[in-house]
C-alpha atoms as a PDB file:
ATOM      1  CA  MET A   1     -15.696  18.599 -26.817  1.00  0.00           C
ATOM      2  CA  PRO A   2     -14.093  15.987 -29.879  1.00  0.00           C
ATOM      3  CA  GLU A   3     -15.348  12.739 -28.337  1.00  0.00           C
ATOM      4  CA  LEU A   4     -18.869  13.647 -28.460  1.00  0.00           C
ATOM      5  CA  ARG A   5     -20.565  11.322 -30.945  1.00  0.00           C
ATOM      6  CA  ALA A   6     -23.912  12.218 -30.246  1.00  0.00           C
ATOM      7  CA  ILE A   7     -26.578  13.483 -27.618  1.00  0.00           C
ATOM      8  CA  LEU A   8     -29.499  11.331 -26.500  1.00  0.00           C
ATOM      9  CA  VAL A   9     -32.103  12.517 -25.198  1.00  0.00           C
ATOM     10  CA  VAL A  10     -35.575  11.338 -23.336  1.00  0.00           C
ATOM     11  CA  GLY A  11     -38.310  13.019 -23.652  1.00  0.00           C
ATOM     12  CA  ASP A  12     -41.097  14.012 -25.959  1.00  0.00           C
ATOM     13  CA  THR A  13     -38.708  17.039 -27.358  1.00  0.00           C
ATOM     14  CA  THR A  14     -35.486  16.702 -29.186  1.00  0.00           C
ATOM     15  CA  PRO A  15     -33.483  19.693 -30.529  1.00  0.00           C
ATOM     16  CA  ALA A  16     -32.108  19.670 -33.700  1.00  0.00           C
ATOM     17  CA  GLY A  17     -29.037  17.782 -34.438  1.00  0.00           C
ATOM     18  CA  ALA A  18     -30.213  15.209 -31.286  1.00  0.00           C
ATOM     19  CA  LEU A  19     -31.455  12.037 -30.858  1.00  0.00           C
ATOM     20  CA  ASN A  20     -34.016  10.122 -29.907  1.00  0.00           C
ATOM     21  CA  PHE A  21     -33.988   7.315 -27.074  1.00  0.00           C
ATOM     22  CA  GLY A  22     -37.382   6.392 -27.510  1.00  0.00           C
ATOM     23  CA  VAL A  23     -37.062   6.420 -31.679  1.00  0.00           C
ATOM     24  CA  HIS A  24     -33.534   4.229 -31.619  1.00  0.00           C
ATOM     25  CA  CYS A  25     -34.358   1.901 -28.274  1.00  0.00           C
ATOM     26  CA  SER A  26     -37.725   0.899 -30.668  1.00  0.00           C
ATOM     27  CA  ARG A  27     -35.622  -0.002 -34.015  1.00  0.00           C
ATOM     28  CA  GLN A  28     -33.954  -2.522 -31.345  1.00  0.00           C
ATOM     29  CA  PRO A  29     -35.370  -6.199 -30.776  1.00  0.00           C
ATOM     30  CA  HIS A  30     -37.472  -6.877 -28.218  1.00  0.00           C
ATOM     31  CA  ASP A  31     -35.191  -9.841 -26.711  1.00  0.00           C
ATOM     32  CA  ARG A  32     -32.135  -7.990 -27.591  1.00  0.00           C
ATOM     33  CA  LEU A  33     -30.018  -5.059 -29.097  1.00  0.00           C
ATOM     34  CA  ILE A  34     -28.371  -4.929 -32.397  1.00  0.00           C
ATOM     35  CA  ARG A  35     -24.911  -2.991 -32.122  1.00  0.00           C
ATOM     36  CA  GLU A  36     -21.595  -2.582 -34.699  1.00  0.00           C
ATOM     37  CA  ARG A  37     -19.558  -2.372 -32.270  1.00  0.00           C
ATOM     38  CA  THR A  38     -17.861  -4.709 -30.003  1.00  0.00           C
ATOM     39  CA  ILE A  39     -17.302  -4.910 -26.718  1.00  0.00           C
ATOM     40  CA  ALA A  40     -14.511  -6.023 -24.922  1.00  0.00           C
ATOM     41  CA  PRO A  41     -14.679  -7.625 -20.592  1.00  0.00           C
ATOM     42  CA  ASP A  42     -11.900  -4.759 -20.016  1.00  0.00           C
ATOM     43  CA  ASP A  43     -13.880  -1.757 -22.299  1.00  0.00           C
ATOM     44  CA  ILE A  44     -14.904   0.637 -19.582  1.00  0.00           C
ATOM     45  CA  SER A  45     -19.040   0.429 -19.645  1.00  0.00           C
ATOM     46  CA  THR A  46     -19.443   3.902 -16.889  1.00  0.00           C
ATOM     47  CA  CYS A  47     -17.527   6.062 -14.817  1.00  0.00           C
ATOM     48  CA  PHE A  48     -18.821   7.188 -11.251  1.00  0.00           C
ATOM     49  CA  HIS A  49     -18.503  10.085  -9.432  1.00  0.00           C
ATOM     50  CA  THR A  50     -16.839   9.642  -5.786  1.00  0.00           C
ATOM     51  CA  GLY A  51     -18.542  12.101  -2.822  1.00  0.00           C
ATOM     52  CA  GLY A  52     -14.621  12.390  -1.882  1.00  0.00           C
ATOM     53  CA  THR A  53     -16.059  10.683   1.984  1.00  0.00           C
ATOM     54  CA  THR A  54     -12.441   9.348   2.137  1.00  0.00           C
ATOM     55  CA  GLY A  55     -10.191  12.155  -0.227  1.00  0.00           C
ATOM     56  CA  ALA A  56     -10.378  14.014  -2.867  1.00  0.00           C
ATOM     57  CA  PRO A  57     -13.705  13.346  -5.282  1.00  0.00           C
ATOM     58  CA  LYS A  58     -12.543  11.196  -7.973  1.00  0.00           C
ATOM     59  CA  ILE A  59     -13.941   9.471 -11.154  1.00  0.00           C
ATOM     60  CA  ALA A  60     -14.429   5.637 -10.380  1.00  0.00           C
ATOM     61  CA  GLN A  61     -14.529   3.538 -14.015  1.00  0.00           C
ATOM     62  CA  GLN A  62     -15.830  -0.261 -14.028  1.00  0.00           C
ATOM     63  CA  THR A  63     -15.696  -2.330 -16.837  1.00  0.00           C
ATOM     64  CA  HIS A  64     -18.049  -4.683 -18.990  1.00  0.00           C
ATOM     65  CA  TRP A  65     -16.490  -7.338 -16.917  1.00  0.00           C
ATOM     66  CA  ASN A  66     -16.787  -5.822 -12.947  1.00  0.00           C
ATOM     67  CA  GLN A  67     -20.958  -5.498 -14.259  1.00  0.00           C
ATOM     68  CA  VAL A  68     -21.285  -9.162 -15.097  1.00  0.00           C
ATOM     69  CA  ALA A  69     -19.428 -10.241 -12.054  1.00  0.00           C
ATOM     70  CA  ILE A  70     -21.320  -7.830  -9.980  1.00  0.00           C
ATOM     71  CA  THR A  71     -24.188  -8.938 -11.283  1.00  0.00           C
ATOM     72  CA  TRP A  72     -23.672 -12.364 -11.094  1.00  0.00           C
ATOM     73  CA  MET A  73     -22.603 -12.150  -7.471  1.00  0.00           C
ATOM     74  CA  ALA A  74     -25.542 -10.439  -6.685  1.00  0.00           C
ATOM     75  CA  GLY A  75     -28.054 -12.847  -8.084  1.00  0.00           C
ATOM     76  CA  HIS A  76     -25.910 -15.751  -6.774  1.00  0.00           C
ATOM     77  CA  MET A  77     -26.508 -14.318  -2.986  1.00  0.00           C
ATOM     78  CA  ALA A  78     -30.262 -13.289  -3.980  1.00  0.00           C
ATOM     79  CA  ASP A  79     -30.683 -17.294  -4.980  1.00  0.00           C
ATOM     80  CA  VAL A  80     -32.029 -16.153  -8.694  1.00  0.00           C
ATOM     81  CA  THR A  81     -32.825 -19.047 -11.101  1.00  0.00           C
ATOM     82  CA  SER A  82     -32.741 -19.099 -14.486  1.00  0.00           C
ATOM     83  CA  GLY A  83     -36.590 -17.871 -15.254  1.00  0.00           C
ATOM     84  CA  ASP A  84     -36.155 -15.069 -12.989  1.00  0.00           C
ATOM     85  CA  ARG A  85     -35.866 -11.281 -13.780  1.00  0.00           C
ATOM     86  CA  PHE A  86     -32.965  -9.625 -11.963  1.00  0.00           C
ATOM     87  CA  LEU A  87     -32.052  -5.743 -12.565  1.00  0.00           C
ATOM     88  CA  THR A  88     -29.140  -4.621 -10.398  1.00  0.00           C
ATOM     89  CA  ALA A  89     -28.279  -0.578  -9.745  1.00  0.00           C
ATOM     90  CA  LEU A  90     -24.870  -0.145 -10.379  1.00  0.00           C
ATOM     91  CA  PRO A  91     -22.237  -0.173  -8.661  1.00  0.00           C
END
């Protein structure tokens, strides 16, 4: 798989050549992520497997903008204010 850049492992045991999730998280500030990549709203953020209940199974893609919009709408419907903490499970 030529596109594969890294294998990220969650847990105590990290095989040779893999990266440990906890180690990499500890290198980030507590209030934001530091990254080299610029993320555009129309970039694909996630791919979800559909169950094929209305047809053949397929992969549904979401953009970063889709996720922001879904979270904003859910927060608006739940009357979330600026002092609240709100976690959404997407999709």
